[in-house]
Amino acid sequence: MDKTTEIEAAVFRRLLSHLDNHKEVQNIDLMILADFCRNCLAKWMVTEAEKRGVEIDYEQAREKIYGMPYSEWKEKFQTKATPEQMAAFEARQQAKQNK
């Protein structure tokens, strides 16, 4: 592994650690602000693994991203989206479609 790949891997691990340390930040918040969430990271992981001939299913990827089975994380940490969050998310989605 070259230094660039090592650095990128370390940054990704730091991102996962940062998200893990900020469970109060809900996926909908991430989607509103950055147009990606923890589930997106898991989907990207599956896609990149497939490109390299490695089999990782979505639930395995989510466990890697969340640090535990998604069902457990959802039960412990996920809150119901507020009407304001849903409105902001829908506005973001609409803005993307209008580009």
PDB file of N, CA and C in Angstrom:
ATOM      1  N   MET A   1       0.857  -1.178   0.000  1.00  0.00           N
ATOM      2  CA  MET A   1       0.000   0.000   0.000  1.00  0.00           C
ATOM      3  C   MET A   1       0.898   1.235   0.000  1.00  0.00           C
ATOM      4  N   ASP A   2       0.617   2.163  -0.905  1.00  0.00           N
ATOM      5  CA  ASP A   2       1.435   3.369  -0.931  1.00  0.00           C
ATOM      6  C   ASP A   2       0.966   4.352   0.146  1.00  0.00           C
ATOM      7  N   LYS A   3       1.760   5.373   0.375  1.00  0.00           N
ATOM      8  CA  LYS A   3       1.466   6.335   1.446  1.00  0.00           C
ATOM      9  C   LYS A   3       0.132   7.043   1.229  1.00  0.00           C
ATOM     10  N   THR A   4      -0.184   7.364  -0.009  1.00  0.00           N
ATOM     11  CA  THR A   4      -1.454   8.040  -0.285  1.00  0.00           C
ATOM     12  C   THR A   4      -2.625   7.161   0.131  1.00  0.00           C
ATOM     13  N   THR A   5      -2.577   5.894  -0.220  1.00  0.00           N
ATOM     14  CA  THR A   5      -3.649   4.967   0.154  1.00  0.00           C
ATOM     15  C   THR A   5      -3.716   4.804   1.663  1.00  0.00           C
ATOM     16  N   GLU A   6      -2.563   4.737   2.321  1.00  0.00           N
ATOM     17  CA  GLU A   6      -2.535   4.645   3.783  1.00  0.00           C
ATOM     18  C   GLU A   6      -3.187   5.869   4.414  1.00  0.00           C
ATOM     19  N   ILE A   7      -2.870   7.035   3.884  1.00  0.00           N
ATOM     20  CA  ILE A   7      -3.440   8.283   4.411  1.00  0.00           C
ATOM     21  C   ILE A   7      -4.945   8.297   4.191  1.00  0.00           C
ATOM     22  N   GLU A   8      -5.378   7.940   2.982  1.00  0.00           N
ATOM     23  CA  GLU A   8      -6.813   7.918   2.693  1.00  0.00           C
ATOM     24  C   GLU A   8      -7.546   6.934   3.596  1.00  0.00           C
ATOM     25  N   ALA A   9      -6.961   5.776   3.825  1.00  0.00           N
ATOM     26  CA  ALA A   9      -7.573   4.783   4.714  1.00  0.00           C
ATOM     27  C   ALA A   9      -7.660   5.324   6.140  1.00  0.00           C
ATOM     28  N   ALA A  10      -6.614   5.996   6.590  1.00  0.00           N
ATOM     29  CA  ALA A  10      -6.614   6.565   7.938  1.00  0.00           C
ATOM     30  C   ALA A  10      -7.670   7.656   8.070  1.00  0.00           C
ATOM     31  N   VAL A  11      -7.812   8.464   7.034  1.00  0.00           N
ATOM     32  CA  VAL A  11      -8.828   9.523   7.049  1.00  0.00           C
ATOM     33  C   VAL A  11     -10.225   8.900   7.098  1.00  0.00           C
ATOM     34  N   PHE A  12     -10.446   7.845   6.340  1.00  0.00           N
ATOM     35  CA  PHE A  12     -11.745   7.168   6.363  1.00  0.00           C
ATOM     36  C   PHE A  12     -12.023   6.605   7.763  1.00  0.00           C
ATOM     37  N   ARG A  13     -11.032   5.972   8.369  1.00  0.00           N
ATOM     38  CA  ARG A  13     -11.220   5.455   9.730  1.00  0.00           C
ATOM     39  C   ARG A  13     -11.511   6.587  10.700  1.00  0.00           C
ATOM     40  N   ARG A  14     -10.860   7.713  10.501  1.00  0.00           N
ATOM     41  CA  ARG A  14     -11.111   8.873  11.373  1.00  0.00           C
ATOM     42  C   ARG A  14     -12.523   9.407  11.154  1.00  0.00           C
ATOM     43  N   LEU A  15     -12.992   9.440   9.918  1.00  0.00           N
ATOM     44  CA  LEU A  15     -14.364   9.852   9.636  1.00  0.00           C
ATOM     45  C   LEU A  15     -15.355   8.935  10.344  1.00  0.00           C
ATOM     46  N   LEU A  16     -15.137   7.621  10.253  1.00  0.00           N
ATOM     47  CA  LEU A  16     -16.026   6.676  10.932  1.00  0.00           C
ATOM     48  C   LEU A  16     -15.995   6.893  12.441  1.00  0.00           C
ATOM     49  N   SER A  17     -14.827   7.121  12.994  1.00  0.00           N
ATOM     50  CA  SER A  17     -14.696   7.374  14.426  1.00  0.00           C
ATOM     51  C   SER A  17     -15.420   8.661  14.809  1.00  0.00           C
ATOM     52  N   HIS A  18     -15.270   9.676  13.990  1.00  0.00           N
ATOM     53  CA  HIS A  18     -15.932  10.954  14.245  1.00  0.00           C
ATOM     54  C   HIS A  18     -17.453  10.780  14.233  1.00  0.00           C
ATOM     55  N   LEU A  19     -17.961  10.078  13.235  1.00  0.00           N
ATOM     56  CA  LEU A  19     -19.403   9.821  13.181  1.00  0.00           C
ATOM     57  C   LEU A  19     -19.844   8.996  14.389  1.00  0.00           C
ATOM     58  N   ASP A  20     -19.035   8.030  14.780  1.00  0.00           N
ATOM     59  CA  ASP A  20     -19.363   7.197  15.936  1.00  0.00           C
ATOM     60  C   ASP A  20     -19.407   8.021  17.214  1.00  0.00           C
ATOM     61  N   ASN A  21     -18.530   9.000  17.312  1.00  0.00           N
ATOM     62  CA  ASN A  21     -18.501   9.858  18.497  1.00  0.00           C
ATOM     63  C   ASN A  21     -19.596  10.915  18.490  1.00  0.00           C
ATOM     64  N   HIS A  22     -20.304  11.021  17.374  1.00  0.00           N
ATOM     65  CA  HIS A  22     -21.379  12.014  17.248  1.00  0.00           C
ATOM     66  C   HIS A  22     -22.659  11.344  16.769  1.00  0.00           C
ATOM     67  N   LYS A  23     -23.083  10.367  17.551  1.00  0.00           N
ATOM     68  CA  LYS A  23     -24.305   9.642  17.202  1.00  0.00           C
ATOM     69  C   LYS A  23     -25.534  10.541  17.230  1.00  0.00           C
ATOM     70  N   GLU A  24     -25.425  11.681  17.906  1.00  0.00           N
ATOM     71  CA  GLU A  24     -26.541  12.617  17.933  1.00  0.00           C
ATOM     72  C   GLU A  24     -26.816  13.208  16.547  1.00  0.00           C
ATOM     73  N   VAL A  25     -25.833  13.159  15.679  1.00  0.00           N
ATOM     74  CA  VAL A  25     -26.024  13.633  14.315  1.00  0.00           C
ATOM     75  C   VAL A  25     -26.749  12.528  13.550  1.00  0.00           C
ATOM     76  N   GLN A  26     -27.961  12.809  13.208  1.00  0.00           N
ATOM     77  CA  GLN A  26     -28.807  11.825  12.549  1.00  0.00           C
ATOM     78  C   GLN A  26     -28.489  11.774  11.053  1.00  0.00           C
ATOM     79  N   ASN A  27     -28.790  10.651  10.446  1.00  0.00           N
ATOM     80  CA  ASN A  27     -28.566  10.505   9.011  1.00  0.00           C
ATOM     81  C   ASN A  27     -29.310  11.560   8.217  1.00  0.00           C
ATOM     82  N   ILE A  28     -30.508  11.904   8.635  1.00  0.00           N
ATOM     83  CA  ILE A  28     -31.255  12.916   7.893  1.00  0.00           C
ATOM     84  C   ILE A  28     -30.534  14.258   7.938  1.00  0.00           C
ATOM     85  N   ASP A  29     -29.888  14.566   9.069  1.00  0.00           N
ATOM     86  CA  ASP A  29     -29.105  15.802   9.166  1.00  0.00           C
ATOM     87  C   ASP A  29     -27.964  15.792   8.156  1.00  0.00           C
ATOM     88  N   LEU A  30     -27.278  14.654   8.079  1.00  0.00           N
ATOM     89  CA  LEU A  30     -26.187  14.522   7.111  1.00  0.00           C
ATOM     90  C   LEU A  30     -26.709  14.669   5.684  1.00  0.00           C
ATOM     91  N   MET A  31     -27.854  14.053   5.398  1.00  0.00           N
ATOM     92  CA  MET A  31     -28.421  14.140   4.047  1.00  0.00           C
ATOM     93  C   MET A  31     -28.791  15.581   3.699  1.00  0.00           C
ATOM     94  N   ILE A  32     -29.350  16.306   4.649  1.00  0.00           N
ATOM     95  CA  ILE A  32     -29.740  17.690   4.408  1.00  0.00           C
ATOM     96  C   ILE A  32     -28.507  18.546   4.148  1.00  0.00           C
ATOM     97  N   LEU A  33     -27.489  18.388   4.978  1.00  0.00           N
ATOM     98  CA  LEU A  33     -26.315  19.257   4.898  1.00  0.00           C
ATOM     99  C   LEU A  33     -25.303  18.845   3.837  1.00  0.00           C
ATOM    100  N   ALA A  34     -25.111  17.532   3.681  1.00  0.00           N
ATOM    101  CA  ALA A  34     -24.003  17.077   2.847  1.00  0.00           C
ATOM    102  C   ALA A  34     -24.410  16.142   1.718  1.00  0.00           C
ATOM    103  N   ASP A  35     -25.676  15.787   1.651  1.00  0.00           N
ATOM    104  CA  ASP A  35     -26.195  14.910   0.605  1.00  0.00           C
ATOM    105  C   ASP A  35     -25.585  13.506   0.645  1.00  0.00           C
ATOM    106  N   PHE A  36     -25.183  13.072   1.836  1.00  0.00           N
ATOM    107  CA  PHE A  36     -24.772  11.680   2.046  1.00  0.00           C
ATOM    108  C   PHE A  36     -24.976  11.375   3.525  1.00  0.00           C
ATOM    109  N   CYS A  37     -25.040  10.088   3.839  1.00  0.00           N
ATOM    110  CA  CYS A  37     -25.202   9.683   5.235  1.00  0.00           C
ATOM    111  C   CYS A  37     -24.420   8.394   5.469  1.00  0.00           C
ATOM    112  N   ARG A  38     -24.566   7.835   6.632  1.00  0.00           N
ATOM    113  CA  ARG A  38     -23.873   6.595   6.961  1.00  0.00           C
ATOM    114  C   ARG A  38     -24.271   5.466   6.010  1.00  0.00           C
ATOM    115  N   ASN A  39     -25.551   5.409   5.659  1.00  0.00           N
ATOM    116  CA  ASN A  39     -26.004   4.372   4.729  1.00  0.00           C
ATOM    117  C   ASN A  39     -25.372   4.551   3.353  1.00  0.00           C
ATOM    118  N   CYS A  40     -25.194   5.791   2.935  1.00  0.00           N
ATOM    119  CA  CYS A  40     -24.520   6.046   1.660  1.00  0.00           C
ATOM    120  C   CYS A  40     -23.091   5.505   1.700  1.00  0.00           C
ATOM    121  N   LEU A  41     -22.398   5.734   2.810  1.00  0.00           N
ATOM    122  CA  LEU A  41     -21.037   5.212   2.946  1.00  0.00           C
ATOM    123  C   LEU A  41     -21.027   3.693   2.794  1.00  0.00           C
ATOM    124  N   ALA A  42     -22.013   3.031   3.390  1.00  0.00           N
ATOM    125  CA  ALA A  42     -22.091   1.573   3.276  1.00  0.00           C
ATOM    126  C   ALA A  42     -22.338   1.156   1.825  1.00  0.00           C
ATOM    127  N   LYS A  43     -23.214   1.867   1.130  1.00  0.00           N
ATOM    128  CA  LYS A  43     -23.484   1.558  -0.279  1.00  0.00           C
ATOM    129  C   LYS A  43     -22.229   1.774  -1.121  1.00  0.00           C
ATOM    130  N   TRP A  44     -21.497   2.837  -0.844  1.00  0.00           N
ATOM    131  CA  TRP A  44     -20.256   3.100  -1.577  1.00  0.00           C
ATOM    132  C   TRP A  44     -19.244   1.999  -1.315  1.00  0.00           C
ATOM    133  N   MET A  45     -19.195   1.507  -0.082  1.00  0.00           N
ATOM    134  CA  MET A  45     -18.280   0.429   0.261  1.00  0.00           C
ATOM    135  C   MET A  45     -18.609  -0.829  -0.540  1.00  0.00           C
ATOM    136  N   VAL A  46     -19.881  -1.161  -0.615  1.00  0.00           N
ATOM    137  CA  VAL A  46     -20.312  -2.339  -1.381  1.00  0.00           C
ATOM    138  C   VAL A  46     -19.919  -2.173  -2.848  1.00  0.00           C
ATOM    139  N   THR A  47     -20.182  -1.008  -3.410  1.00  0.00           N
ATOM    140  CA  THR A  47     -19.876  -0.739  -4.816  1.00  0.00           C
ATOM    141  C   THR A  47     -18.385  -0.862  -5.094  1.00  0.00           C
ATOM    142  N   GLU A  48     -17.563  -0.261  -4.240  1.00  0.00           N
ATOM    143  CA  GLU A  48     -16.112  -0.307  -4.451  1.00  0.00           C
ATOM    144  C   GLU A  48     -15.570  -1.716  -4.244  1.00  0.00           C
ATOM    145  N   ALA A  49     -16.141  -2.452  -3.313  1.00  0.00           N
ATOM    146  CA  ALA A  49     -15.719  -3.845  -3.118  1.00  0.00           C
ATOM    147  C   ALA A  49     -16.033  -4.664  -4.364  1.00  0.00           C
ATOM    148  N   GLU A  50     -17.235  -4.494  -4.903  1.00  0.00           N
ATOM    149  CA  GLU A  50     -17.632  -5.225  -6.112  1.00  0.00           C
ATOM    150  C   GLU A  50     -16.696  -4.929  -7.269  1.00  0.00           C
ATOM    151  N   LYS A  51     -16.297  -3.670  -7.424  1.00  0.00           N
ATOM    152  CA  LYS A  51     -15.379  -3.287  -8.505  1.00  0.00           C
ATOM    153  C   LYS A  51     -14.040  -4.009  -8.392  1.00  0.00           C
ATOM    154  N   ARG A  52     -13.701  -4.406  -7.176  1.00  0.00           N
ATOM    155  CA  ARG A  52     -12.420  -5.068  -6.925  1.00  0.00           C
ATOM    156  C   ARG A  52     -12.561  -6.572  -6.735  1.00  0.00           C
ATOM    157  N   GLY A  53     -13.758  -7.071  -7.032  1.00  0.00           N
ATOM    158  CA  GLY A  53     -13.990  -8.506  -6.948  1.00  0.00           C
ATOM    159  C   GLY A  53     -14.110  -9.038  -5.532  1.00  0.00           C
ATOM    160  N   VAL A  54     -14.437  -8.156  -4.600  1.00  0.00           N
ATOM    161  CA  VAL A  54     -14.604  -8.545  -3.202  1.00  0.00           C
ATOM    162  C   VAL A  54     -16.091  -8.514  -2.880  1.00  0.00           C
ATOM    163  N   GLU A  55     -16.558  -9.575  -2.229  1.00  0.00           N
ATOM    164  CA  GLU A  55     -17.974  -9.659  -1.905  1.00  0.00           C
ATOM    165  C   GLU A  55     -18.226  -9.166  -0.488  1.00  0.00           C
ATOM    166  N   ILE A  56     -18.927  -8.050  -0.383  1.00  0.00           N
ATOM    167  CA  ILE A  56     -19.388  -7.507   0.896  1.00  0.00           C
ATOM    168  C   ILE A  56     -20.855  -7.173   0.693  1.00  0.00           C
ATOM    169  N   ASP A  57     -21.722  -7.738   1.522  1.00  0.00           N
ATOM    170  CA  ASP A  57     -23.119  -7.370   1.348  1.00  0.00           C
ATOM    171  C   ASP A  57     -23.415  -6.091   2.127  1.00  0.00           C
ATOM    172  N   TYR A  58     -24.546  -5.514   1.828  1.00  0.00           N
ATOM    173  CA  TYR A  58     -24.926  -4.216   2.381  1.00  0.00           C
ATOM    174  C   TYR A  58     -24.968  -4.245   3.915  1.00  0.00           C
ATOM    175  N   GLU A  59     -25.508  -5.288   4.503  1.00  0.00           N
ATOM    176  CA  GLU A  59     -25.587  -5.355   5.967  1.00  0.00           C
ATOM    177  C   GLU A  59     -24.197  -5.450   6.594  1.00  0.00           C
ATOM    178  N   GLN A  60     -23.281  -6.176   5.950  1.00  0.00           N
ATOM    179  CA  GLN A  60     -21.901  -6.230   6.454  1.00  0.00           C
ATOM    180  C   GLN A  60     -21.260  -4.844   6.378  1.00  0.00           C
ATOM    181  N   ALA A  61     -21.497  -4.162   5.285  1.00  0.00           N
ATOM    182  CA  ALA A  61     -20.938  -2.818   5.120  1.00  0.00           C
ATOM    183  C   ALA A  61     -21.522  -1.860   6.156  1.00  0.00           C
ATOM    184  N   ARG A  62     -22.829  -1.950   6.388  1.00  0.00           N
ATOM    185  CA  ARG A  62     -23.437  -1.070   7.389  1.00  0.00           C
ATOM    186  C   ARG A  62     -22.878  -1.352   8.781  1.00  0.00           C
ATOM    187  N   GLU A  63     -22.620  -2.611   9.087  1.00  0.00           N
ATOM    188  CA  GLU A  63     -22.043  -2.929  10.399  1.00  0.00           C
ATOM    189  C   GLU A  63     -20.651  -2.307  10.529  1.00  0.00           C
ATOM    190  N   LYS A  64     -19.895  -2.304   9.439  1.00  0.00           N
ATOM    191  CA  LYS A  64     -18.568  -1.673   9.445  1.00  0.00           C
ATOM    192  C   LYS A  64     -18.704  -0.162   9.671  1.00  0.00           C
ATOM    193  N   ILE A  65     -19.655   0.460   8.990  1.00  0.00           N
ATOM    194  CA  ILE A  65     -19.844   1.905   9.093  1.00  0.00           C
ATOM    195  C   ILE A  65     -20.388   2.304  10.460  1.00  0.00           C
ATOM    196  N   TYR A  66     -21.383   1.575  10.937  1.00  0.00           N
ATOM    197  CA  TYR A  66     -22.036   1.917  12.199  1.00  0.00           C
ATOM    198  C   TYR A  66     -21.298   1.386  13.429  1.00  0.00           C
ATOM    199  N   GLY A  67     -20.403   0.419  13.241  1.00  0.00           N
ATOM    200  CA  GLY A  67     -19.687  -0.164  14.365  1.00  0.00           C
ATOM    201  C   GLY A  67     -20.513  -1.178  15.149  1.00  0.00           C
ATOM    202  N   MET A  68     -21.646  -1.544  14.592  1.00  0.00           N
ATOM    203  CA  MET A  68     -22.558  -2.516  15.199  1.00  0.00           C
ATOM    204  C   MET A  68     -23.625  -2.817  14.153  1.00  0.00           C
ATOM    205  N   PRO A  69     -24.409  -3.865  14.353  1.00  0.00           N
ATOM    206  CA  PRO A  69     -25.495  -4.101  13.403  1.00  0.00           C
ATOM    207  C   PRO A  69     -26.401  -2.868  13.304  1.00  0.00           C
ATOM    208  N   TYR A  70     -26.812  -2.559  12.094  1.00  0.00           N
ATOM    209  CA  TYR A  70     -27.633  -1.362  11.879  1.00  0.00           C
ATOM    210  C   TYR A  70     -28.893  -1.386  12.732  1.00  0.00           C
ATOM    211  N   SER A  71     -29.529  -2.537  12.855  1.00  0.00           N
ATOM    212  CA  SER A  71     -30.766  -2.620  13.644  1.00  0.00           C
ATOM    213  C   SER A  71     -30.522  -2.186  15.085  1.00  0.00           C
ATOM    214  N   GLU A  72     -29.357  -2.554  15.623  1.00  0.00           N
ATOM    215  CA  GLU A  72     -29.005  -2.164  16.989  1.00  0.00           C
ATOM    216  C   GLU A  72     -28.763  -0.658  17.066  1.00  0.00           C
ATOM    217  N   TRP A  73     -28.017  -0.113  16.110  1.00  0.00           N
ATOM    218  CA  TRP A  73     -27.743   1.322  16.093  1.00  0.00           C
ATOM    219  C   TRP A  73     -29.050   2.100  15.986  1.00  0.00           C
ATOM    220  N   LYS A  74     -29.914   1.650  15.089  1.00  0.00           N
ATOM    221  CA  LYS A  74     -31.197   2.327  14.862  1.00  0.00           C
ATOM    222  C   LYS A  74     -32.027   2.347  16.145  1.00  0.00           C
ATOM    223  N   GLU A  75     -32.076   1.218  16.832  1.00  0.00           N
ATOM    224  CA  GLU A  75     -32.848   1.115  18.065  1.00  0.00           C
ATOM    225  C   GLU A  75     -32.287   2.024  19.158  1.00  0.00           C
ATOM    226  N   LYS A  76     -30.962   2.085  19.255  1.00  0.00           N
ATOM    227  CA  LYS A  76     -30.322   2.844  20.328  1.00  0.00           C
ATOM    228  C   LYS A  76     -30.211   4.340  20.050  1.00  0.00           C
ATOM    229  N   PHE A  77     -29.976   4.704  18.784  1.00  0.00           N
ATOM    230  CA  PHE A  77     -29.560   6.076  18.510  1.00  0.00           C
ATOM    231  C   PHE A  77     -30.418   6.855  17.516  1.00  0.00           C
ATOM    232  N   GLN A  78     -31.168   6.186  16.675  1.00  0.00           N
ATOM    233  CA  GLN A  78     -31.914   6.913  15.653  1.00  0.00           C
ATOM    234  C   GLN A  78     -33.192   7.489  16.233  1.00  0.00           C
ATOM    235  N   THR A  79     -33.429   8.743  15.932  1.00  0.00           N
ATOM    236  CA  THR A  79     -34.661   9.394  16.357  1.00  0.00           C
ATOM    237  C   THR A  79     -35.560   9.590  15.143  1.00  0.00           C
ATOM    238  N   LYS A  80     -36.818   9.792  15.408  1.00  0.00           N
ATOM    239  CA  LYS A  80     -37.770  10.036  14.328  1.00  0.00           C
ATOM    240  C   LYS A  80     -37.494  11.422  13.743  1.00  0.00           C
ATOM    241  N   ALA A  81     -37.488  11.496  12.427  1.00  0.00           N
ATOM    242  CA  ALA A  81     -37.255  12.782  11.771  1.00  0.00           C
ATOM    243  C   ALA A  81     -38.396  13.745  12.108  1.00  0.00           C
ATOM    244  N   THR A  82     -38.015  14.968  12.382  1.00  0.00           N
ATOM    245  CA  THR A  82     -39.016  15.995  12.684  1.00  0.00           C
ATOM    246  C   THR A  82     -39.640  16.487  11.377  1.00  0.00           C
ATOM    247  N   PRO A  83     -40.804  17.122  11.465  1.00  0.00           N
ATOM    248  CA  PRO A  83     -41.386  17.718  10.254  1.00  0.00           C
ATOM    249  C   PRO A  83     -40.429  18.716   9.589  1.00  0.00           C
ATOM    250  N   GLU A  84     -39.685  19.460  10.415  1.00  0.00           N
ATOM    251  CA  GLU A  84     -38.726  20.434   9.871  1.00  0.00           C
ATOM    252  C   GLU A  84     -37.601  19.727   9.112  1.00  0.00           C
ATOM    253  N   GLN A  85     -37.098  18.640   9.665  1.00  0.00           N
ATOM    254  CA  GLN A  85     -36.053  17.873   8.979  1.00  0.00           C
ATOM    255  C   GLN A  85     -36.578  17.317   7.664  1.00  0.00           C
ATOM    256  N   MET A  86     -37.766  16.768   7.681  1.00  0.00           N
ATOM    257  CA  MET A  86     -38.344  16.197   6.459  1.00  0.00           C
ATOM    258  C   MET A  86     -38.548  17.283   5.401  1.00  0.00           C
ATOM    259  N   ALA A  87     -39.011  18.453   5.817  1.00  0.00           N
ATOM    260  CA  ALA A  87     -39.201  19.556   4.871  1.00  0.00           C
ATOM    261  C   ALA A  87     -37.866  19.992   4.276  1.00  0.00           C
ATOM    262  N   ALA A  88     -36.838  20.094   5.111  1.00  0.00           N
ATOM    263  CA  ALA A  88     -35.506  20.479   4.618  1.00  0.00           C
ATOM    264  C   ALA A  88     -34.949  19.419   3.675  1.00  0.00           C
ATOM    265  N   PHE A  89     -35.148  18.147   4.012  1.00  0.00           N
ATOM    266  CA  PHE A  89     -34.684  17.055   3.149  1.00  0.00           C
ATOM    267  C   PHE A  89     -35.407  17.099   1.801  1.00  0.00           C
ATOM    268  N   GLU A  90     -36.705  17.256   1.839  1.00  0.00           N
ATOM    269  CA  GLU A  90     -37.486  17.313   0.596  1.00  0.00           C
ATOM    270  C   GLU A  90     -37.083  18.518  -0.250  1.00  0.00           C
ATOM    271  N   ALA A  91     -36.814  19.659   0.387  1.00  0.00           N
ATOM    272  CA  ALA A  91     -36.361  20.849  -0.348  1.00  0.00           C
ATOM    273  C   ALA A  91     -35.014  20.583  -1.008  1.00  0.00           C
ATOM    274  N   ARG A  92     -34.136  19.897  -0.308  1.00  0.00           N
ATOM    275  CA  ARG A  92     -32.818  19.552  -0.881  1.00  0.00           C
ATOM    276  C   ARG A  92     -32.988  18.637  -2.080  1.00  0.00           C
ATOM    277  N   GLN A  93     -33.838  17.626  -1.943  1.00  0.00           N
ATOM    278  CA  GLN A  93     -34.080  16.695  -3.047  1.00  0.00           C
ATOM    279  C   GLN A  93     -34.668  17.432  -4.248  1.00  0.00           C
ATOM    280  N   GLN A  94     -35.588  18.344  -3.982  1.00  0.00           N
ATOM    281  CA  GLN A  94     -36.216  19.117  -5.066  1.00  0.00           C
ATOM    282  C   GLN A  94     -35.186  19.993  -5.756  1.00  0.00           C
ATOM    283  N   ALA A  95     -34.308  20.626  -4.976  1.00  0.00           N
ATOM    284  CA  ALA A  95     -33.265  21.463  -5.551  1.00  0.00           C
ATOM    285  C   ALA A  95     -32.332  20.654  -6.441  1.00  0.00           C
ATOM    286  N   LYS A  96     -32.018  19.423  -6.035  1.00  0.00           N
ATOM    287  CA  LYS A  96     -31.166  18.544  -6.853  1.00  0.00           C
ATOM    288  C   LYS A  96     -31.843  18.226  -8.186  1.00  0.00           C
ATOM    289  N   GLN A  97     -33.135  17.991  -8.150  1.00  0.00           N
ATOM    290  CA  GLN A  97     -33.871  17.641  -9.370  1.00  0.00           C
ATOM    291  C   GLN A  97     -33.959  18.812 -10.322  1.00  0.00           C
ATOM    292  N   ASN A  98     -33.954  20.021  -9.781  1.00  0.00           N
ATOM    293  CA  ASN A  98     -34.093  21.225 -10.609  1.00  0.00           C
ATOM    294  C   ASN A  98     -32.783  21.693 -11.219  1.00  0.00           C
ATOM    295  N   LYS A  99     -31.669  21.043 -10.859  1.00  0.00           N
ATOM    296  CA  LYS A  99     -30.361  21.445 -11.414  1.00  0.00           C
ATOM    297  C   LYS A  99     -30.217  20.981 -12.831  1.00  0.00           C
TER     298      LYS A  99
END
